[in-house]
Amino acid sequence: MITLYGLKNCDTCRKALKALPDAVLVDVRAEGVPEDVMAQAFETFGAAALLNTRSTTWRGLEESERAAPPLDLIAKHPALMKRPLIQADDTLFLGWTADVQTALAARG
């Protein structure tokens, strides 16, 4: 089973969903990301990859807010997470790059 954590109105997430017709979209604004999945993503990718510091949400934060721990920031502002976060069985993928697409295609 493939779970795609993202935003229903995100163009990149929509592209990924179209390419992965069996995937289930979990809208992170409405439902959030389970703590264990978020912890695994943080451990796998790190804060630099997981936080979207180019987003309008990030630019709207005060400097003091930006200093908060990354997982707390993402919990409070789900749009700060780089998208999509894809969970295929026990493996996580971040983004919808050619590498991610190739890796998912190889899984069958």
PDB file of N, CA and C in Angstrom:
ATOM      1  N   MET A   1       0.835  -1.184   0.000  1.00  0.00           N
ATOM      2  CA  MET A   1       0.000   0.000   0.000  1.00  0.00           C
ATOM      3  C   MET A   1       0.882   1.251   0.000  1.00  0.00           C
ATOM      4  N   ILE A   2       0.463   2.246  -0.746  1.00  0.00           N
ATOM      5  CA  ILE A   2       1.209   3.498  -0.822  1.00  0.00           C
ATOM      6  C   ILE A   2       0.344   4.618  -0.250  1.00  0.00           C
ATOM      7  N   THR A   3       0.913   5.342   0.694  1.00  0.00           N
ATOM      8  CA  THR A   3       0.245   6.498   1.279  1.00  0.00           C
ATOM      9  C   THR A   3       1.036   7.730   0.912  1.00  0.00           C
ATOM     10  N   LEU A   4       0.341   8.716   0.401  1.00  0.00           N
ATOM     11  CA  LEU A   4       0.970   9.962  -0.007  1.00  0.00           C
ATOM     12  C   LEU A   4       0.514  11.052   0.953  1.00  0.00           C
ATOM     13  N   TYR A   5       1.445  11.603   1.720  1.00  0.00           N
ATOM     14  CA  TYR A   5       1.139  12.692   2.647  1.00  0.00           C
ATOM     15  C   TYR A   5       1.449  13.989   1.920  1.00  0.00           C
ATOM     16  N   GLY A   6       0.446  14.831   1.784  1.00  0.00           N
ATOM     17  CA  GLY A   6       0.637  16.083   1.067  1.00  0.00           C
ATOM     18  C   GLY A   6      -0.588  16.959   1.201  1.00  0.00           C
ATOM     19  N   LEU A   7      -0.762  17.832   0.231  1.00  0.00           N
ATOM     20  CA  LEU A   7      -1.903  18.732   0.204  1.00  0.00           C
ATOM     21  C   LEU A   7      -2.713  18.458  -1.055  1.00  0.00           C
ATOM     22  N   LYS A   8      -4.034  18.429  -0.906  1.00  0.00           N
ATOM     23  CA  LYS A   8      -4.874  18.088  -2.054  1.00  0.00           C
ATOM     24  C   LYS A   8      -4.791  19.123  -3.170  1.00  0.00           C
ATOM     25  N   ASN A   9      -4.385  20.352  -2.847  1.00  0.00           N
ATOM     26  CA  ASN A   9      -4.285  21.378  -3.877  1.00  0.00           C
ATOM     27  C   ASN A   9      -2.848  21.632  -4.335  1.00  0.00           C
ATOM     28  N   CYS A  10      -1.922  20.765  -3.967  1.00  0.00           N
ATOM     29  CA  CYS A  10      -0.510  20.888  -4.357  1.00  0.00           C
ATOM     30  C   CYS A  10      -0.316  20.229  -5.730  1.00  0.00           C
ATOM     31  N   ASP A  11       0.214  20.976  -6.684  1.00  0.00           N
ATOM     32  CA  ASP A  11       0.420  20.448  -8.037  1.00  0.00           C
ATOM     33  C   ASP A  11       1.316  19.221  -8.047  1.00  0.00           C
ATOM     34  N   THR A  12       2.382  19.247  -7.275  1.00  0.00           N
ATOM     35  CA  THR A  12       3.310  18.116  -7.238  1.00  0.00           C
ATOM     36  C   THR A  12       2.626  16.880  -6.663  1.00  0.00           C
ATOM     37  N   CYS A  13       1.832  17.071  -5.633  1.00  0.00           N
ATOM     38  CA  CYS A  13       1.104  15.944  -5.037  1.00  0.00           C
ATOM     39  C   CYS A  13       0.100  15.374  -6.033  1.00  0.00           C
ATOM     40  N   ARG A  14      -0.549  16.238  -6.792  1.00  0.00           N
ATOM     41  CA  ARG A  14      -1.516  15.765  -7.795  1.00  0.00           C
ATOM     42  C   ARG A  14      -0.816  14.962  -8.887  1.00  0.00           C
ATOM     43  N   LYS A  15       0.373  15.403  -9.298  1.00  0.00           N
ATOM     44  CA  LYS A  15       1.149  14.649 -10.302  1.00  0.00           C
ATOM     45  C   LYS A  15       1.504  13.270  -9.774  1.00  0.00           C
ATOM     46  N   ALA A  16       1.936  13.224  -8.526  1.00  0.00           N
ATOM     47  CA  ALA A  16       2.303  11.942  -7.918  1.00  0.00           C
ATOM     48  C   ALA A  16       1.087  11.027  -7.819  1.00  0.00           C
ATOM     49  N   LEU A  17      -0.053  11.577  -7.409  1.00  0.00           N
ATOM     50  CA  LEU A  17      -1.274  10.778  -7.302  1.00  0.00           C
ATOM     51  C   LEU A  17      -1.706  10.225  -8.657  1.00  0.00           C
ATOM     52  N   LYS A  18      -1.557  11.034  -9.686  1.00  0.00           N
ATOM     53  CA  LYS A  18      -1.934  10.594 -11.027  1.00  0.00           C
ATOM     54  C   LYS A  18      -1.053   9.430 -11.474  1.00  0.00           C
ATOM     55  N   ALA A  19       0.230   9.489 -11.127  1.00  0.00           N
ATOM     56  CA  ALA A  19       1.171   8.435 -11.507  1.00  0.00           C
ATOM     57  C   ALA A  19       1.047   7.202 -10.607  1.00  0.00           C
ATOM     58  N   LEU A  20       0.493   7.385  -9.426  1.00  0.00           N
ATOM     59  CA  LEU A  20       0.324   6.291  -8.467  1.00  0.00           C
ATOM     60  C   LEU A  20      -1.168   6.111  -8.185  1.00  0.00           C
ATOM     61  N   PRO A  21      -1.908   5.535  -9.136  1.00  0.00           N
ATOM     62  CA  PRO A  21      -3.370   5.476  -8.990  1.00  0.00           C
ATOM     63  C   PRO A  21      -3.860   4.695  -7.771  1.00  0.00           C
ATOM     64  N   ASP A  22      -3.037   3.806  -7.232  1.00  0.00           N
ATOM     65  CA  ASP A  22      -3.457   3.029  -6.060  1.00  0.00           C
ATOM     66  C   ASP A  22      -3.109   3.723  -4.746  1.00  0.00           C
ATOM     67  N   ALA A  23      -2.430   4.862  -4.828  1.00  0.00           N
ATOM     68  CA  ALA A  23      -2.018   5.574  -3.618  1.00  0.00           C
ATOM     69  C   ALA A  23      -3.206   6.265  -2.965  1.00  0.00           C
ATOM     70  N   VAL A  24      -3.110   6.412  -1.658  1.00  0.00           N
ATOM     71  CA  VAL A  24      -4.129   7.106  -0.869  1.00  0.00           C
ATOM     72  C   VAL A  24      -3.530   8.433  -0.419  1.00  0.00           C
ATOM     73  N   LEU A  25      -4.230   9.523  -0.692  1.00  0.00           N
ATOM     74  CA  LEU A  25      -3.760  10.846  -0.273  1.00  0.00           C
ATOM     75  C   LEU A  25      -4.252  11.148   1.128  1.00  0.00           C
ATOM     76  N   VAL A  26      -3.319  11.542   1.981  1.00  0.00           N
ATOM     77  CA  VAL A  26      -3.660  12.036   3.313  1.00  0.00           C
ATOM     78  C   VAL A  26      -3.321  13.521   3.301  1.00  0.00           C
ATOM     79  N   ASP A  27      -4.344  14.356   3.385  1.00  0.00           N
ATOM     80  CA  ASP A  27      -4.142  15.799   3.379  1.00  0.00           C
ATOM     81  C   ASP A  27      -3.589  16.205   4.743  1.00  0.00           C
ATOM     82  N   VAL A  28      -2.359  16.688   4.753  1.00  0.00           N
ATOM     83  CA  VAL A  28      -1.695  16.971   6.031  1.00  0.00           C
ATOM     84  C   VAL A  28      -2.319  18.150   6.772  1.00  0.00           C
ATOM     85  N   ARG A  29      -2.998  19.030   6.054  1.00  0.00           N
ATOM     86  CA  ARG A  29      -3.675  20.132   6.745  1.00  0.00           C
ATOM     87  C   ARG A  29      -4.880  19.613   7.525  1.00  0.00           C
ATOM     88  N   ALA A  30      -5.596  18.681   6.934  1.00  0.00           N
ATOM     89  CA  ALA A  30      -6.813  18.173   7.562  1.00  0.00           C
ATOM     90  C   ALA A  30      -6.528  17.053   8.555  1.00  0.00           C
ATOM     91  N   GLU A  31      -5.613  16.144   8.198  1.00  0.00           N
ATOM     92  CA  GLU A  31      -5.414  14.935   8.990  1.00  0.00           C
ATOM     93  C   GLU A  31      -4.059  14.845   9.685  1.00  0.00           C
ATOM     94  N   GLY A  32      -3.081  15.619   9.228  1.00  0.00           N
ATOM     95  CA  GLY A  32      -1.745  15.554   9.800  1.00  0.00           C
ATOM     96  C   GLY A  32      -1.009  14.298   9.372  1.00  0.00           C
ATOM     97  N   VAL A  33       0.185  14.146   9.873  1.00  0.00           N
ATOM     98  CA  VAL A  33       1.025  12.973   9.601  1.00  0.00           C
ATOM     99  C   VAL A  33       1.195  12.244  10.929  1.00  0.00           C
ATOM    100  N   PRO A  34       0.979  10.926  10.950  1.00  0.00           N
ATOM    101  CA  PRO A  34       1.167  10.193  12.205  1.00  0.00           C
ATOM    102  C   PRO A  34       2.564  10.454  12.788  1.00  0.00           C
ATOM    103  N   GLU A  35       2.631  10.551  14.110  1.00  0.00           N
ATOM    104  CA  GLU A  35       3.902  10.870  14.780  1.00  0.00           C
ATOM    105  C   GLU A  35       5.016   9.907  14.406  1.00  0.00           C
ATOM    106  N   ASP A  36       4.706   8.605  14.330  1.00  0.00           N
ATOM    107  CA  ASP A  36       5.755   7.640  14.021  1.00  0.00           C
ATOM    108  C   ASP A  36       6.281   7.819  12.597  1.00  0.00           C
ATOM    109  N   VAL A  37       5.409   8.157  11.674  1.00  0.00           N
ATOM    110  CA  VAL A  37       5.835   8.398  10.283  1.00  0.00           C
ATOM    111  C   VAL A  37       6.685   9.663  10.224  1.00  0.00           C
ATOM    112  N   MET A  38       6.257  10.708  10.927  1.00  0.00           N
ATOM    113  CA  MET A  38       7.012  11.963  10.936  1.00  0.00           C
ATOM    114  C   MET A  38       8.385  11.768  11.573  1.00  0.00           C
ATOM    115  N   ALA A  39       8.454  10.992  12.641  1.00  0.00           N
ATOM    116  CA  ALA A  39       9.739  10.718  13.296  1.00  0.00           C
ATOM    117  C   ALA A  39      10.659   9.944  12.349  1.00  0.00           C
ATOM    118  N   GLN A  40      10.108   8.958  11.644  1.00  0.00           N
ATOM    119  CA  GLN A  40      10.905   8.192  10.683  1.00  0.00           C
ATOM    120  C   GLN A  40      11.384   9.101   9.543  1.00  0.00           C
ATOM    121  N   ALA A  41      10.523   9.997   9.072  1.00  0.00           N
ATOM    122  CA  ALA A  41      10.903  10.927   8.003  1.00  0.00           C
ATOM    123  C   ALA A  41      12.016  11.855   8.466  1.00  0.00           C
ATOM    124  N   PHE A  42      11.902  12.341   9.695  1.00  0.00           N
ATOM    125  CA  PHE A  42      12.931  13.233  10.237  1.00  0.00           C
ATOM    126  C   PHE A  42      14.256  12.500  10.358  1.00  0.00           C
ATOM    127  N   GLU A  43      14.202  11.264  10.813  1.00  0.00           N
ATOM    128  CA  GLU A  43      15.410  10.456  10.957  1.00  0.00           C
ATOM    129  C   GLU A  43      16.023  10.131   9.590  1.00  0.00           C
ATOM    130  N   THR A  44      15.176   9.865   8.609  1.00  0.00           N
ATOM    131  CA  THR A  44      15.636   9.485   7.276  1.00  0.00           C
ATOM    132  C   THR A  44      16.170  10.669   6.482  1.00  0.00           C
ATOM    133  N   PHE A  45      15.450  11.786   6.492  1.00  0.00           N
ATOM    134  CA  PHE A  45      15.781  12.902   5.608  1.00  0.00           C
ATOM    135  C   PHE A  45      16.429  14.092   6.303  1.00  0.00           C
ATOM    136  N   GLY A  46      16.177  14.250   7.602  1.00  0.00           N
ATOM    137  CA  GLY A  46      16.737  15.388   8.328  1.00  0.00           C
ATOM    138  C   GLY A  46      15.912  16.648   8.135  1.00  0.00           C
ATOM    139  N   ALA A  47      16.173  17.625   8.980  1.00  0.00           N
ATOM    140  CA  ALA A  47      15.395  18.865   8.967  1.00  0.00           C
ATOM    141  C   ALA A  47      15.587  19.647   7.679  1.00  0.00           C
ATOM    142  N   ALA A  48      16.805  19.677   7.155  1.00  0.00           N
ATOM    143  CA  ALA A  48      17.084  20.478   5.956  1.00  0.00           C
ATOM    144  C   ALA A  48      16.251  20.014   4.766  1.00  0.00           C
ATOM    145  N   ALA A  49      16.067  18.721   4.627  1.00  0.00           N
ATOM    146  CA  ALA A  49      15.286  18.201   3.505  1.00  0.00           C
ATOM    147  C   ALA A  49      13.790  18.275   3.782  1.00  0.00           C
ATOM    148  N   LEU A  50      13.390  18.088   5.025  1.00  0.00           N
ATOM    149  CA  LEU A  50      11.974  17.979   5.374  1.00  0.00           C
ATOM    150  C   LEU A  50      11.257  19.330   5.438  1.00  0.00           C
ATOM    151  N   LEU A  51      11.980  20.371   5.822  1.00  0.00           N
ATOM    152  CA  LEU A  51      11.366  21.700   5.946  1.00  0.00           C
ATOM    153  C   LEU A  51      11.447  22.445   4.623  1.00  0.00           C
ATOM    154  N   ASN A  52      10.317  22.943   4.170  1.00  0.00           N
ATOM    155  CA  ASN A  52      10.278  23.724   2.936  1.00  0.00           C
ATOM    156  C   ASN A  52      10.476  25.189   3.300  1.00  0.00           C
ATOM    157  N   THR A  53      11.726  25.622   3.261  1.00  0.00           N
ATOM    158  CA  THR A  53      12.047  26.989   3.668  1.00  0.00           C
ATOM    159  C   THR A  53      11.845  27.990   2.523  1.00  0.00           C
ATOM    160  N   ARG A  54      11.357  27.513   1.386  1.00  0.00           N
ATOM    161  CA  ARG A  54      11.058  28.416   0.274  1.00  0.00           C
ATOM    162  C   ARG A  54       9.561  28.723   0.191  1.00  0.00           C
ATOM    163  N   SER A  55       8.789  28.163   1.107  1.00  0.00           N
ATOM    164  CA  SER A  55       7.335  28.334   1.056  1.00  0.00           C
ATOM    165  C   SER A  55       6.904  29.698   1.581  1.00  0.00           C
ATOM    166  N   THR A  56       5.717  30.099   1.162  1.00  0.00           N
ATOM    167  CA  THR A  56       5.168  31.358   1.671  1.00  0.00           C
ATOM    168  C   THR A  56       4.874  31.239   3.169  1.00  0.00           C
ATOM    169  N   THR A  57       4.553  30.034   3.617  1.00  0.00           N
ATOM    170  CA  THR A  57       4.313  29.828   5.055  1.00  0.00           C
ATOM    171  C   THR A  57       5.586  30.147   5.831  1.00  0.00           C
ATOM    172  N   TRP A  58       6.728  29.649   5.372  1.00  0.00           N
ATOM    173  CA  TRP A  58       8.008  29.891   6.040  1.00  0.00           C
ATOM    174  C   TRP A  58       8.330  31.382   6.058  1.00  0.00           C
ATOM    175  N   ARG A  59       8.139  32.030   4.915  1.00  0.00           N
ATOM    176  CA  ARG A  59       8.455  33.466   4.823  1.00  0.00           C
ATOM    177  C   ARG A  59       7.560  34.292   5.738  1.00  0.00           C
ATOM    178  N   GLY A  60       6.368  33.769   6.054  1.00  0.00           N
ATOM    179  CA  GLY A  60       5.452  34.491   6.928  1.00  0.00           C
ATOM    180  C   GLY A  60       5.730  34.311   8.410  1.00  0.00           C
ATOM    181  N   LEU A  61       6.643  33.409   8.748  1.00  0.00           N
ATOM    182  CA  LEU A  61       6.949  33.160  10.162  1.00  0.00           C
ATOM    183  C   LEU A  61       7.907  34.208  10.715  1.00  0.00           C
ATOM    184  N   GLU A  62       7.717  34.517  11.973  1.00  0.00           N
ATOM    185  CA  GLU A  62       8.670  35.380  12.672  1.00  0.00           C
ATOM    186  C   GLU A  62       9.966  34.603  12.877  1.00  0.00           C
ATOM    187  N   GLU A  63      11.052  35.315  13.030  1.00  0.00           N
ATOM    188  CA  GLU A  63      12.352  34.672  13.247  1.00  0.00           C
ATOM    189  C   GLU A  63      12.319  33.776  14.483  1.00  0.00           C
ATOM    190  N   SER A  64      11.619  34.204  15.515  1.00  0.00           N
ATOM    191  CA  SER A  64      11.535  33.410  16.745  1.00  0.00           C
ATOM    192  C   SER A  64      10.774  32.102  16.492  1.00  0.00           C
ATOM    193  N   GLU A  65       9.760  32.139  15.633  1.00  0.00           N
ATOM    194  CA  GLU A  65       9.011  30.919  15.306  1.00  0.00           C
ATOM    195  C   GLU A  65       9.878  29.946  14.513  1.00  0.00           C
ATOM    196  N   ARG A  66      10.684  30.473  13.620  1.00  0.00           N
ATOM    197  CA  ARG A  66      11.555  29.625  12.792  1.00  0.00           C
ATOM    198  C   ARG A  66      12.566  28.844  13.624  1.00  0.00           C
ATOM    199  N   ALA A  67      12.858  29.336  14.815  1.00  0.00           N
ATOM    200  CA  ALA A  67      13.835  28.685  15.687  1.00  0.00           C
ATOM    201  C   ALA A  67      13.272  27.458  16.402  1.00  0.00           C
ATOM    202  N   ALA A  68      11.988  27.239  16.303  1.00  0.00           N
ATOM    203  CA  ALA A  68      11.353  26.090  16.972  1.00  0.00           C
ATOM    204  C   ALA A  68      11.862  24.784  16.363  1.00  0.00           C
ATOM    205  N   PRO A  69      11.802  23.684  17.115  1.00  0.00           N
ATOM    206  CA  PRO A  69      12.210  22.385  16.562  1.00  0.00           C
ATOM    207  C   PRO A  69      11.411  22.067  15.285  1.00  0.00           C
ATOM    208  N   PRO A  70      12.072  21.507  14.271  1.00  0.00           N
ATOM    209  CA  PRO A  70      11.421  21.257  12.978  1.00  0.00           C
ATOM    210  C   PRO A  70      10.124  20.454  13.058  1.00  0.00           C
ATOM    211  N   LEU A  71      10.096  19.415  13.890  1.00  0.00           N
ATOM    212  CA  LEU A  71       8.872  18.606  13.977  1.00  0.00           C
ATOM    213  C   LEU A  71       7.728  19.397  14.599  1.00  0.00           C
ATOM    214  N   ASP A  72       8.039  20.282  15.529  1.00  0.00           N
ATOM    215  CA  ASP A  72       7.011  21.136  16.120  1.00  0.00           C
ATOM    216  C   ASP A  72       6.473  22.118  15.083  1.00  0.00           C
ATOM    217  N   LEU A  73       7.390  22.675  14.273  1.00  0.00           N
ATOM    218  CA  LEU A  73       6.977  23.602  13.221  1.00  0.00           C
ATOM    219  C   LEU A  73       6.043  22.929  12.222  1.00  0.00           C
ATOM    220  N   ILE A  74       6.396  21.725  11.799  1.00  0.00           N
ATOM    221  CA  ILE A  74       5.585  21.010  10.821  1.00  0.00           C
ATOM    222  C   ILE A  74       4.229  20.620  11.422  1.00  0.00           C
ATOM    223  N   ALA A  75       4.227  20.262  12.698  1.00  0.00           N
ATOM    224  CA  ALA A  75       2.951  19.922  13.356  1.00  0.00           C
ATOM    225  C   ALA A  75       2.031  21.145  13.409  1.00  0.00           C
ATOM    226  N   LYS A  76       2.619  22.297  13.671  1.00  0.00           N
ATOM    227  CA  LYS A  76       1.831  23.527  13.781  1.00  0.00           C
ATOM    228  C   LYS A  76       1.451  24.092  12.407  1.00  0.00           C
ATOM    229  N   HIS A  77       2.372  23.943  11.434  1.00  0.00           N
ATOM    230  CA  HIS A  77       2.172  24.480  10.082  1.00  0.00           C
ATOM    231  C   HIS A  77       2.461  23.369   9.067  1.00  0.00           C
ATOM    232  N   PRO A  78       1.508  22.482   8.804  1.00  0.00           N
ATOM    233  CA  PRO A  78       1.748  21.326   7.929  1.00  0.00           C
ATOM    234  C   PRO A  78       2.257  21.685   6.530  1.00  0.00           C
ATOM    235  N   ALA A  79       1.928  22.872   6.046  1.00  0.00           N
ATOM    236  CA  ALA A  79       2.378  23.271   4.711  1.00  0.00           C
ATOM    237  C   ALA A  79       3.894  23.478   4.652  1.00  0.00           C
ATOM    238  N   LEU A  80       4.561  23.488   5.800  1.00  0.00           N
ATOM    239  CA  LEU A  80       6.020  23.629   5.820  1.00  0.00           C
ATOM    240  C   LEU A  80       6.741  22.343   5.423  1.00  0.00           C
ATOM    241  N   MET A  81       6.043  21.232   5.413  1.00  0.00           N
ATOM    242  CA  MET A  81       6.678  19.962   5.047  1.00  0.00           C
ATOM    243  C   MET A  81       6.853  19.910   3.538  1.00  0.00           C
ATOM    244  N   LYS A  82       8.047  19.528   3.100  1.00  0.00           N
ATOM    245  CA  LYS A  82       8.237  19.312   1.673  1.00  0.00           C
ATOM    246  C   LYS A  82       7.332  18.175   1.253  1.00  0.00           C
ATOM    247  N   ARG A  83       6.796  18.299   0.042  1.00  0.00           N
ATOM    248  CA  ARG A  83       5.784  17.350  -0.408  1.00  0.00           C
ATOM    249  C   ARG A  83       6.136  16.760  -1.752  1.00  0.00           C
ATOM    250  N   PRO A  84       5.563  15.613  -2.008  1.00  0.00           N
ATOM    251  CA  PRO A  84       4.847  14.733  -1.091  1.00  0.00           C
ATOM    252  C   PRO A  84       5.806  13.875  -0.275  1.00  0.00           C
ATOM    253  N   LEU A  85       5.340  13.420   0.859  1.00  0.00           N
ATOM    254  CA  LEU A  85       6.027  12.402   1.646  1.00  0.00           C
ATOM    255  C   LEU A  85       5.287  11.115   1.327  1.00  0.00           C
ATOM    256  N   ILE A  86       5.987  10.166   0.725  1.00  0.00           N
ATOM    257  CA  ILE A  86       5.354   8.942   0.242  1.00  0.00           C
ATOM    258  C   ILE A  86       5.821   7.772   1.091  1.00  0.00           C
ATOM    259  N   GLN A  87       4.859   7.025   1.604  1.00  0.00           N
ATOM    260  CA  GLN A  87       5.151   5.829   2.388  1.00  0.00           C
ATOM    261  C   GLN A  87       4.714   4.620   1.576  1.00  0.00           C
ATOM    262  N   ALA A  88       5.695   3.813   1.175  1.00  0.00           N
ATOM    263  CA  ALA A  88       5.420   2.574   0.450  1.00  0.00           C
ATOM    264  C   ALA A  88       5.902   1.443   1.341  1.00  0.00           C
ATOM    265  N   ASP A  89       4.961   0.753   1.966  1.00  0.00           N
ATOM    266  CA  ASP A  89       5.261  -0.253   2.977  1.00  0.00           C
ATOM    267  C   ASP A  89       6.062   0.412   4.091  1.00  0.00           C
ATOM    268  N   ASP A  90       7.301  -0.020   4.338  1.00  0.00           N
ATOM    269  CA  ASP A  90       8.099   0.573   5.419  1.00  0.00           C
ATOM    270  C   ASP A  90       9.114   1.593   4.923  1.00  0.00           C
ATOM    271  N   THR A  91       9.066   1.939   3.646  1.00  0.00           N
ATOM    272  CA  THR A  91      10.045   2.852   3.055  1.00  0.00           C
ATOM    273  C   THR A  91       9.408   4.210   2.794  1.00  0.00           C
ATOM    274  N   LEU A  92      10.160   5.267   3.094  1.00  0.00           N
ATOM    275  CA  LEU A  92       9.686   6.625   2.856  1.00  0.00           C
ATOM    276  C   LEU A  92      10.455   7.258   1.699  1.00  0.00           C
ATOM    277  N   PHE A  93       9.740   8.053   0.939  1.00  0.00           N
ATOM    278  CA  PHE A  93      10.320   8.836  -0.149  1.00  0.00           C
ATOM    279  C   PHE A  93       9.855  10.267   0.035  1.00  0.00           C
ATOM    280  N   LEU A  94      10.715  11.222  -0.318  1.00  0.00           N
ATOM    281  CA  LEU A  94      10.365  12.629  -0.158  1.00  0.00           C
ATOM    282  C   LEU A  94      10.476  13.329  -1.498  1.00  0.00           C
ATOM    283  N   GLY A  95       9.403  14.004  -1.881  1.00  0.00           N
ATOM    284  CA  GLY A  95       9.386  14.732  -3.143  1.00  0.00           C
ATOM    285  C   GLY A  95       8.908  13.852  -4.287  1.00  0.00           C
ATOM    286  N   TRP A  96       8.884  14.440  -5.465  1.00  0.00           N
ATOM    287  CA  TRP A  96       8.462  13.714  -6.656  1.00  0.00           C
ATOM    288  C   TRP A  96       9.505  13.920  -7.743  1.00  0.00           C
ATOM    289  N   THR A  97      10.731  13.570  -7.392  1.00  0.00           N
ATOM    290  CA  THR A  97      11.853  13.707  -8.320  1.00  0.00           C
ATOM    291  C   THR A  97      11.932  12.477  -9.218  1.00  0.00           C
ATOM    292  N   ALA A  98      12.766  12.556 -10.222  1.00  0.00           N
ATOM    293  CA  ALA A  98      12.972  11.418 -11.123  1.00  0.00           C
ATOM    294  C   ALA A  98      13.478  10.210 -10.342  1.00  0.00           C
ATOM    295  N   ASP A  99      14.345  10.434  -9.357  1.00  0.00           N
ATOM    296  CA  ASP A  99      14.869   9.332  -8.536  1.00  0.00           C
ATOM    297  C   ASP A  99      13.755   8.632  -7.760  1.00  0.00           C
ATOM    298  N   VAL A 100      12.856   9.410  -7.187  1.00  0.00           N
ATOM    299  CA  VAL A 100      11.742   8.840  -6.432  1.00  0.00           C
ATOM    300  C   VAL A 100      10.830   8.058  -7.376  1.00  0.00           C
ATOM    301  N   GLN A 101      10.541   8.623  -8.525  1.00  0.00           N
ATOM    302  CA  GLN A 101       9.677   7.955  -9.493  1.00  0.00           C
ATOM    303  C   GLN A 101      10.291   6.629  -9.948  1.00  0.00           C
ATOM    304  N   THR A 102      11.600   6.632 -10.204  1.00  0.00           N
ATOM    305  CA  THR A 102      12.294   5.417 -10.620  1.00  0.00           C
ATOM    306  C   THR A 102      12.253   4.363  -9.506  1.00  0.00           C
ATOM    307  N   ALA A 103      12.526   4.788  -8.283  1.00  0.00           N
ATOM    308  CA  ALA A 103      12.542   3.858  -7.150  1.00  0.00           C
ATOM    309  C   ALA A 103      11.153   3.247  -6.937  1.00  0.00           C
ATOM    310  N   LEU A 104      10.127   4.032  -7.053  1.00  0.00           N
ATOM    311  CA  LEU A 104       8.767   3.509  -6.873  1.00  0.00           C
ATOM    312  C   LEU A 104       8.372   2.588  -8.026  1.00  0.00           C
ATOM    313  N   ALA A 105       8.773   2.920  -9.226  1.00  0.00           N
ATOM    314  CA  ALA A 105       8.485   2.070 -10.391  1.00  0.00           C
ATOM    315  C   ALA A 105       9.181   0.718 -10.253  1.00  0.00           C
ATOM    316  N   ALA A 106      10.396   0.719  -9.688  1.00  0.00           N
ATOM    317  CA  ALA A 106      11.160  -0.519  -9.499  1.00  0.00           C
ATOM    318  C   ALA A 106      10.505  -1.433  -8.478  1.00  0.00           C
ATOM    319  N   ARG A 107       9.734  -0.846  -7.557  1.00  0.00           N
ATOM    320  CA  ARG A 107       9.059  -1.642  -6.520  1.00  0.00           C
ATOM    321  C   ARG A 107       7.886  -2.416  -7.089  1.00  0.00           C
ATOM    322  N   GLY A 108       7.475  -2.025  -8.288  1.00  0.00           N
ATOM    323  CA  GLY A 108       6.385  -2.750  -8.935  1.00  0.00           C
ATOM    324  C   GLY A 108       5.107  -2.090  -8.727  1.00  0.00           C
TER     325      GLY A 108
END
